[in-house]
Amino acid sequence: DGYPKDVLRLLALYDSWHPDFDHPSIDTLVQQCQSEYNGIQTLFCGMLNELVDFNPCKHKLALETLLPLDLLALSATNQVLQAVDCAYKQRCFFQAWCVLRDYCKLDLQQFYLPLLTDRLKASEGTREKTSAQTALWEILHVLIQRLAPITPFLSEQIYALTRGLPPNSCQDKTESLSVFLEDWVTQINLPHIPDAEVRWKELLDGLLSVRGCVKSG
């Protein structure tokens, strides 16, 4: 009692992955699922907060014009989409969850979003801010869709909020009322970026390594 329905769905994923999984207690596992769920929810709310003044109909930039870091972030997102879709096709739902969870925590929360802090504080309409917001909008949209089979209640909630942001957003008459009625986005259409996956991993590993050194020092 008291746990969101999505958390109980995550609990079922853990048990189905390995029914004989040696965990100390069911309470400990539920708390882990709650913590992971809270992390995703916090990420989505943070991304929405950064998009309150962003109207995709007016402000969204052509993806090929985005700043290099934002293009790399979108390219990394495409890699995640491919991995998750592969897991879904094989009905490996726990694997899909792990890919999404780790990407949200490591790539977005610990790496990409902190790098955007100053840019997102810039004046509205600046290329630096609009490029970052365009990337966040694209990432949020596909993440909601990929998480929907696993955490449907959270995904529907965040999807409804994106439809209302900003208040003066132009609404497409064909816009779906549910994330489950959206066309499945197989990938974000980007220009080719040589060695994008390698470059993103080098940046990610480098920054996380520096932070680890700072904490240990």
Protein backbone atom coordinates (compact mmCIF):
# COMPACT_ATOMS: atom_id res chain seq x y z
CA ASP A 1 0.00 0.00 0.00
CA GLY A 2 1.08 3.55 -0.63
CA TYR A 3 3.36 2.80 -3.59
CA PRO A 4 2.59 4.17 -7.07
CA LYS A 5 1.28 1.52 -9.46
CA ASP A 6 4.32 2.03 -11.67
CA VAL A 7 6.61 1.09 -8.79
CA LEU A 8 4.77 -2.21 -8.38
CA ARG A 9 5.19 -2.80 -12.11
CA LEU A 10 8.93 -2.30 -11.70
CA LEU A 11 8.90 -4.77 -8.84
CA ALA A 12 7.30 -7.32 -11.13
CA LEU A 13 10.03 -6.69 -13.72
CA TYR A 14 12.75 -7.43 -11.18
CA ASP A 15 11.06 -10.64 -10.09
CA SER A 16 10.43 -11.79 -13.66
CA TRP A 17 14.07 -11.14 -14.55
CA HIS A 18 15.27 -13.59 -11.93
CA PRO A 19 12.58 -15.21 -9.76
CA ASP A 20 15.25 -16.56 -7.42
CA PHE A 21 17.03 -13.22 -7.15
CA ASP A 22 18.80 -13.16 -3.80
CA HIS A 23 17.60 -9.92 -2.25
CA PRO A 24 17.49 -9.28 1.52
CA SER A 25 13.76 -8.64 1.62
CA ILE A 26 10.84 -7.63 -0.54
CA ASP A 27 10.75 -4.29 1.26
CA THR A 28 14.32 -3.57 0.23
CA LEU A 29 13.54 -4.35 -3.40
CA VAL A 30 10.40 -2.21 -3.35
CA GLN A 31 12.40 0.68 -1.91
CA GLN A 32 14.96 0.27 -4.69
CA CYS A 33 12.19 0.39 -7.30
CA GLN A 34 10.72 3.45 -5.60
CA SER A 35 14.12 5.16 -5.64
CA GLU A 36 14.64 4.42 -9.33
CA TYR A 37 11.12 5.59 -10.13
CA ASN A 38 11.65 8.80 -8.16
CA GLY A 39 14.83 9.44 -10.11
CA ILE A 40 13.01 9.26 -13.44
CA GLN A 41 10.14 11.38 -12.13
CA THR A 42 12.55 14.03 -10.84
CA LEU A 43 14.37 14.08 -14.18
CA PHE A 44 11.14 14.59 -16.13
CA CYS A 45 9.97 17.36 -13.80
CA GLY A 46 13.34 19.09 -14.10
CA MET A 47 13.21 18.92 -17.90
CA LEU A 48 9.67 20.30 -17.91
CA ASN A 49 10.78 23.20 -15.71
CA GLU A 50 13.43 24.09 -18.27
CA LEU A 51 10.81 24.11 -21.02
CA VAL A 52 8.17 26.37 -19.45
CA ASP A 53 9.08 29.23 -21.82
CA PHE A 54 9.70 26.99 -24.83
CA ASN A 55 7.05 26.77 -27.53
CA PRO A 56 8.14 24.09 -30.01
CA CYS A 57 5.89 25.58 -32.69
CA LYS A 58 7.75 28.89 -32.46
CA HIS A 59 11.14 28.24 -30.93
CA LYS A 60 12.24 24.77 -32.01
CA LEU A 61 15.36 24.92 -34.16
CA ALA A 62 16.19 22.74 -37.13
CA LEU A 63 18.19 19.89 -35.62
CA GLU A 64 21.10 20.33 -38.01
CA THR A 65 21.63 23.85 -36.58
CA LEU A 66 21.98 22.77 -32.95
CA LEU A 67 25.20 23.28 -31.03
CA PRO A 68 27.65 20.34 -31.16
CA LEU A 69 27.02 19.14 -27.60
CA ASP A 70 23.28 19.05 -28.17
CA LEU A 71 23.71 17.07 -31.39
CA LEU A 72 25.90 14.58 -29.55
CA ALA A 73 23.26 14.25 -26.83
CA LEU A 74 20.60 13.51 -29.42
CA SER A 75 22.87 11.02 -31.14
CA ALA A 76 23.41 9.26 -27.81
CA THR A 77 19.64 9.21 -27.35
CA ASN A 78 19.27 7.48 -30.70
CA GLN A 79 21.64 4.77 -29.50
CA VAL A 80 19.43 4.28 -26.47
CA LEU A 81 16.32 4.06 -28.65
CA GLN A 82 17.90 1.30 -30.70
CA ALA A 83 18.93 -0.66 -27.62
CA VAL A 84 15.51 -0.31 -26.00
CA ASP A 85 13.64 -1.27 -29.17
CA CYS A 86 15.83 -4.35 -29.52
CA ALA A 87 15.03 -5.33 -25.92
CA TYR A 88 11.30 -4.79 -26.47
CA LYS A 89 11.30 -6.94 -29.60
CA GLN A 90 12.89 -9.74 -27.58
CA ARG A 91 10.43 -9.12 -24.71
CA CYS A 92 13.32 -8.33 -22.41
CA PHE A 93 11.47 -5.63 -20.50
CA PHE A 94 13.86 -5.61 -17.56
CA GLN A 95 16.77 -4.99 -19.92
CA ALA A 96 14.87 -2.14 -21.56
CA TRP A 97 14.26 -0.60 -18.14
CA CYS A 98 17.93 -0.86 -17.18
CA VAL A 99 19.03 0.86 -20.39
CA LEU A 100 16.56 3.70 -19.86
CA ARG A 101 17.27 4.02 -16.14
CA ASP A 102 21.04 4.18 -16.62
CA TYR A 103 20.79 6.66 -19.49
CA CYS A 104 18.55 8.96 -17.47
CA LYS A 105 20.78 8.81 -14.42
CA LEU A 106 24.27 8.86 -15.91
CA ASP A 107 23.99 10.55 -19.28
CA LEU A 108 21.28 13.07 -18.45
CA GLN A 109 21.16 13.77 -14.72
CA GLN A 110 24.85 13.50 -13.95
CA PHE A 111 26.32 14.71 -17.23
CA TYR A 112 24.26 16.53 -19.85
CA LEU A 113 21.82 18.56 -17.74
CA PRO A 114 24.50 19.99 -15.42
CA LEU A 115 26.39 21.19 -18.51
CA LEU A 116 23.28 23.08 -19.66
CA THR A 117 22.79 25.00 -16.41
CA ASP A 118 24.31 28.30 -17.56
CA ARG A 119 22.89 28.09 -21.07
CA LEU A 120 19.37 27.52 -19.79
CA LYS A 121 19.66 30.63 -17.63
CA ALA A 122 20.40 32.77 -20.69
CA SER A 123 17.86 35.20 -22.09
CA GLU A 124 14.96 33.79 -24.06
CA GLY A 125 15.66 33.56 -27.76
CA THR A 126 19.43 33.18 -27.54
CA ARG A 127 20.84 30.39 -29.70
CA GLU A 128 22.58 28.79 -26.73
CA LYS A 129 19.34 28.44 -24.76
CA THR A 130 17.08 27.55 -27.68
CA SER A 131 19.47 24.87 -28.91
CA ALA A 132 19.52 23.28 -25.46
CA GLN A 133 15.73 23.47 -25.14
CA THR A 134 15.21 21.98 -28.57
CA ALA A 135 17.38 19.01 -27.62
CA LEU A 136 15.61 18.59 -24.27
CA TRP A 137 12.23 18.67 -25.99
CA GLU A 138 13.26 15.92 -28.41
CA ILE A 139 14.79 13.79 -25.66
CA LEU A 140 11.81 14.16 -23.33
CA HIS A 141 9.36 13.16 -26.05
CA VAL A 142 11.10 9.91 -26.97
CA LEU A 143 11.87 8.98 -23.37
CA ILE A 144 8.21 9.31 -22.39
CA GLN A 145 7.30 7.03 -25.28
CA ARG A 146 9.93 4.40 -24.51
CA LEU A 147 9.04 4.31 -20.81
CA ALA A 148 5.30 4.13 -21.45
CA PRO A 149 5.15 0.29 -21.63
CA ILE A 150 6.94 0.08 -18.26
CA THR A 151 5.70 3.14 -16.34
CA PRO A 152 2.44 4.01 -18.14
CA PHE A 153 0.96 6.20 -15.42
CA LEU A 154 4.02 8.44 -15.15
CA SER A 155 4.38 8.59 -18.93
CA GLU A 156 0.75 9.64 -19.42
CA GLN A 157 1.09 12.26 -16.71
CA ILE A 158 4.20 13.82 -18.21
CA TYR A 159 2.79 13.54 -21.72
CA ALA A 160 -0.30 15.49 -20.65
CA LEU A 161 1.95 18.18 -19.18
CA THR A 162 3.97 18.48 -22.38
CA ARG A 163 0.75 19.07 -24.30
CA GLY A 164 0.01 22.03 -22.04
CA LEU A 165 3.44 23.67 -22.21
CA PRO A 166 3.57 26.53 -22.78
CA PRO A 167 0.01 27.84 -22.33
CA ASN A 168 0.11 29.62 -25.70
CA SER A 169 1.50 26.60 -27.52
CA CYS A 170 -0.08 26.00 -30.90
CA GLN A 171 -1.95 22.74 -30.83
CA ASP A 172 -1.93 20.39 -33.78
CA LYS A 173 -5.49 19.19 -34.42
CA THR A 174 -4.13 15.71 -35.04
CA GLU A 175 -2.27 15.65 -31.73
CA SER A 176 -2.92 12.48 -29.75
CA LEU A 177 -4.66 12.55 -26.39
CA SER A 178 -2.47 9.72 -25.10
CA VAL A 179 1.15 8.78 -25.43
CA PHE A 180 -0.06 5.34 -26.50
CA LEU A 181 -1.75 6.84 -29.56
CA GLU A 182 1.43 8.53 -30.79
CA ASP A 183 3.31 7.16 -33.78
CA TRP A 184 6.36 5.24 -32.57
CA VAL A 185 9.48 7.35 -33.12
CA THR A 186 12.18 4.96 -34.30
CA GLN A 187 14.89 7.60 -34.19
CA ILE A 188 15.51 11.34 -34.03
CA ASN A 189 16.44 12.49 -37.53
CA LEU A 190 19.92 13.95 -37.29
CA PRO A 191 22.74 14.81 -39.66
CA HIS A 192 25.58 12.31 -39.65
CA ILE A 193 28.06 12.95 -36.84
CA PRO A 194 31.40 11.13 -37.27
CA ASP A 195 32.34 9.05 -34.22
CA ALA A 196 29.42 10.52 -32.24
CA GLU A 197 29.12 7.53 -29.90
CA VAL A 198 32.84 7.53 -29.13
CA ARG A 199 32.97 11.29 -28.61
CA TRP A 200 29.98 11.22 -26.25
CA LYS A 201 31.45 8.38 -24.20
CA GLU A 202 34.79 10.18 -23.93
CA LEU A 203 33.08 13.32 -22.66
CA LEU A 204 30.91 11.36 -20.24
CA ASP A 205 33.74 9.25 -18.87
CA GLY A 206 36.01 12.28 -18.59
CA LEU A 207 33.58 14.38 -16.59
CA LEU A 208 32.47 11.56 -14.31
CA SER A 209 36.12 10.68 -13.68
CA VAL A 210 36.91 14.27 -12.71
CA ARG A 211 33.94 14.38 -10.35
CA GLY A 212 35.03 11.10 -8.81
CA CYS A 213 38.50 12.50 -8.16
CA VAL A 214 37.04 15.64 -6.60
CA LYS A 215 34.84 13.60 -4.22
CA SER A 216 37.68 11.28 -3.25
CA GLY A 217 39.96 14.26 -2.66
